[in-house]
Protein backbone atom coordinates (compact mmCIF):
# COMPACT_ATOMS: atom_id res chain seq x y z
CA MET A 1 0.99 2.84 15.20
CA ARG A 2 -1.40 5.49 15.41
CA GLY A 3 -1.19 8.70 13.45
CA ASP A 4 1.14 10.48 15.47
CA GLY A 5 3.17 7.33 16.37
CA MET A 6 4.19 6.34 12.77
CA THR A 7 7.72 6.80 12.26
CA MET A 8 9.29 8.03 9.33
CA ARG A 9 11.54 5.18 9.06
CA LEU A 10 8.69 2.90 8.64
CA VAL A 11 6.75 5.24 5.78
CA ASP A 12 10.75 5.66 4.37
CA ALA A 13 11.17 1.44 4.04
CA LEU A 14 7.58 1.32 2.84
CA TYR A 15 8.30 3.41 0.29
CA ILE A 16 11.05 2.15 -1.28
CA GLU A 17 9.64 -1.35 -0.86
CA ALA A 18 6.79 0.16 -3.16
CA MET A 19 9.42 1.79 -5.69
CA VAL A 20 10.99 -1.25 -6.49
CA LEU A 21 8.15 -3.21 -6.83
CA ALA A 22 6.31 -0.80 -8.99
CA ASP A 23 9.85 -0.46 -11.16
CA GLU A 24 9.82 -4.05 -11.25
CA THR A 25 6.04 -4.43 -11.93
CA ARG A 26 6.96 -1.81 -15.20
CA SER A 27 10.04 -3.93 -16.17
CA TYR A 28 8.29 -7.12 -16.44
CA PHE A 29 5.20 -6.13 -18.01
CA ASP A 30 6.96 -3.74 -20.53
CA GLY A 31 9.05 -6.46 -21.16
CA PRO A 32 8.92 -10.42 -20.92
CA GLY A 33 5.61 -10.07 -19.52
CA ARG A 34 4.11 -8.94 -23.44
CA ALA A 35 5.87 -12.32 -24.97
CA GLU A 36 3.90 -14.07 -21.96
CA ARG A 37 1.00 -12.22 -22.67
CA ASP A 38 0.74 -13.07 -26.12
CA ALA A 39 1.66 -16.67 -25.60
CA LEU A 40 -1.79 -17.31 -23.34
CA ALA A 41 -5.23 -18.24 -24.51
CA PRO A 42 -7.63 -15.17 -25.49
CA ILE A 43 -9.46 -15.32 -22.29
CA ALA A 44 -6.21 -15.94 -20.18
CA ARG A 45 -4.79 -12.39 -22.19
CA VAL A 46 -7.70 -10.75 -20.89
CA THR A 47 -7.47 -12.37 -16.88
CA PHE A 48 -3.59 -11.17 -17.68
CA THR A 49 -4.39 -7.28 -18.48
CA CYS A 50 -7.06 -6.92 -15.97
CA GLU A 51 -4.67 -8.18 -13.21
CA SER A 52 -1.86 -6.07 -14.71
CA LEU A 53 -4.35 -2.90 -13.93
CA LYS A 54 -5.20 -3.83 -10.94
CA VAL A 55 -1.01 -4.34 -9.70
CA THR A 56 -0.67 -0.48 -11.31
CA THR A 57 -3.67 0.48 -9.72
CA ARG A 58 -2.52 -0.85 -6.28
CA LEU A 59 0.94 0.52 -6.53
CA MET A 60 -0.42 3.99 -7.64
CA HIS A 61 -3.25 4.04 -4.25
CA ILE A 62 0.33 2.48 -2.53
CA ILE A 63 2.61 4.89 -3.03
CA ALA A 64 0.03 7.81 -3.09
CA TRP A 65 -0.64 7.08 0.07
CA LEU A 66 2.57 6.77 1.74
CA LEU A 67 3.27 10.31 -0.33
CA THR A 68 0.46 11.27 2.00
CA ARG A 69 2.11 10.01 5.15
CA ARG A 70 5.18 12.08 4.23
CA ALA A 71 3.65 15.45 3.64
CA VAL A 72 1.64 14.99 7.08
CA ALA A 73 5.33 14.63 8.93
CA ALA A 74 6.79 17.35 6.87
CA GLY A 75 4.01 19.53 7.76
CA GLU A 76 3.26 20.39 4.39
CA ILE A 77 -0.80 18.90 5.46
CA SER A 78 -2.42 18.14 8.62
CA GLU A 79 -3.81 15.05 9.69
CA CYS A 80 -7.00 16.15 8.85
CA GLU A 81 -6.45 16.71 5.78
CA ALA A 82 -4.49 13.55 4.99
CA ARG A 83 -7.67 11.25 6.44
CA ASP A 84 -9.38 12.59 3.94
CA PRO A 85 -11.35 9.70 1.93
CA SER A 86 -9.60 10.93 -1.20
CA ARG A 87 -6.26 10.41 0.74
CA ARG A 88 -6.81 6.62 1.61
CA PRO A 89 -6.57 3.61 0.04
CA GLY A 90 -9.40 2.87 -2.42
CA GLN A 91 -10.74 -0.76 -2.96
CA ILE A 92 -9.31 -2.78 -5.24
CA ALA A 93 -10.45 -6.41 -5.99
CA ASP A 94 -8.57 -9.12 -5.43
CA ALA A 95 -7.45 -11.81 -7.88
CA GLY A 96 -9.57 -15.08 -7.74
CA ALA A 97 -7.63 -17.97 -7.19
CA GLY A 98 -8.38 -19.55 -10.63
CA ASP A 99 -7.38 -16.51 -12.29
CA LEU A 100 -4.36 -16.29 -10.86
CA ALA A 101 -3.05 -19.57 -12.01
CA SER A 102 -3.67 -19.26 -15.42
CA LEU A 103 -1.00 -16.56 -15.18
CA PRO A 104 2.76 -16.90 -15.81
CA ASP A 105 4.72 -17.17 -12.76
CA ALA A 106 6.31 -14.09 -12.70
CA ALA A 107 2.91 -11.98 -13.56
CA GLN A 108 1.23 -14.54 -10.35
CA ALA A 109 4.20 -13.09 -8.02
CA LEU A 110 3.47 -9.54 -9.03
CA VAL A 111 0.25 -9.63 -8.49
CA LEU A 112 0.80 -11.58 -4.96
CA ALA A 113 3.53 -9.02 -3.73
CA SER A 114 1.51 -6.14 -4.74
CA ASP A 115 -1.71 -7.18 -2.67
CA ASP A 116 0.43 -8.30 0.18
CA LEU A 117 1.92 -4.47 0.29
CA TYR A 118 -1.60 -3.09 -0.35
CA ARG A 119 -3.27 -4.83 2.53
CA ARG A 120 -0.39 -4.09 5.08
CA ILE A 121 -0.90 -0.30 3.85
CA CYS A 122 -4.62 -0.92 4.64
CA ARG A 123 -3.94 -2.37 7.91
CA LEU A 124 -1.56 1.00 8.64
CA ASP A 125 -4.21 3.10 7.48
CA ALA A 126 -6.99 1.65 9.52
CA GLU A 127 -4.96 1.70 12.60
CA LEU A 128 -4.74 5.42 12.02
CA ASP A 129 -8.27 5.71 13.26
CA GLN A 130 -7.84 3.96 16.43
CA PRO A 131 -7.49 5.55 19.46
CA ALA A 132 -3.77 5.68 20.85
CA PRO A 133 -3.38 3.30 23.52
CA ALA A 134 -3.32 4.86 26.85
CA SER A 135 0.44 4.76 28.35
CA PRO A 136 0.62 4.54 31.83
CA ALA A 137 3.85 6.39 31.75
CA ARG A 138 2.33 9.18 30.22
CA GLY A 139 -0.64 8.90 32.86
CA LEU A 140 2.09 9.75 35.45
CA ILE A 141 3.46 12.57 33.75
CA ALA A 142 0.58 14.26 32.88
CA ARG A 143 -0.68 13.50 36.91
CA LEU A 144 2.80 15.15 37.80
CA GLU A 145 2.21 18.24 35.73
CA ASN A 146 -1.12 18.60 36.79
CA ALA A 147 -0.14 18.46 40.31
CA PHE A 148 3.11 20.86 40.09
């Protein structure tokens, strides 16, 4: 999957997944997550708050990257502009297993889901820097075009 081969169907599917996850995250942290956080020990409350911020940050990076890919597909920005480091996913620290264990199950699920989606986006972003694979069919077409 290279810059010119990324399909809008994939970007749209990931965008929908990210928006659903963002809505679930907001609903949880603004609702039942507050009560669950308040029931935790003080150090676990700090961990809960830090992890909720990381989830939100991951989702912002994901959505921004997907919007950038949509802008490239729509011709609003160039591929070169999209490859600017400011438009690429940033580095976000993972949660430690011990940290996650202190969180309520719903919070753990959101942390893991956002981390999984973020890693997939980072893999797709890294693939954009790889050269397109040589296609035997395209090579044949190029040789035919050059022959005539």
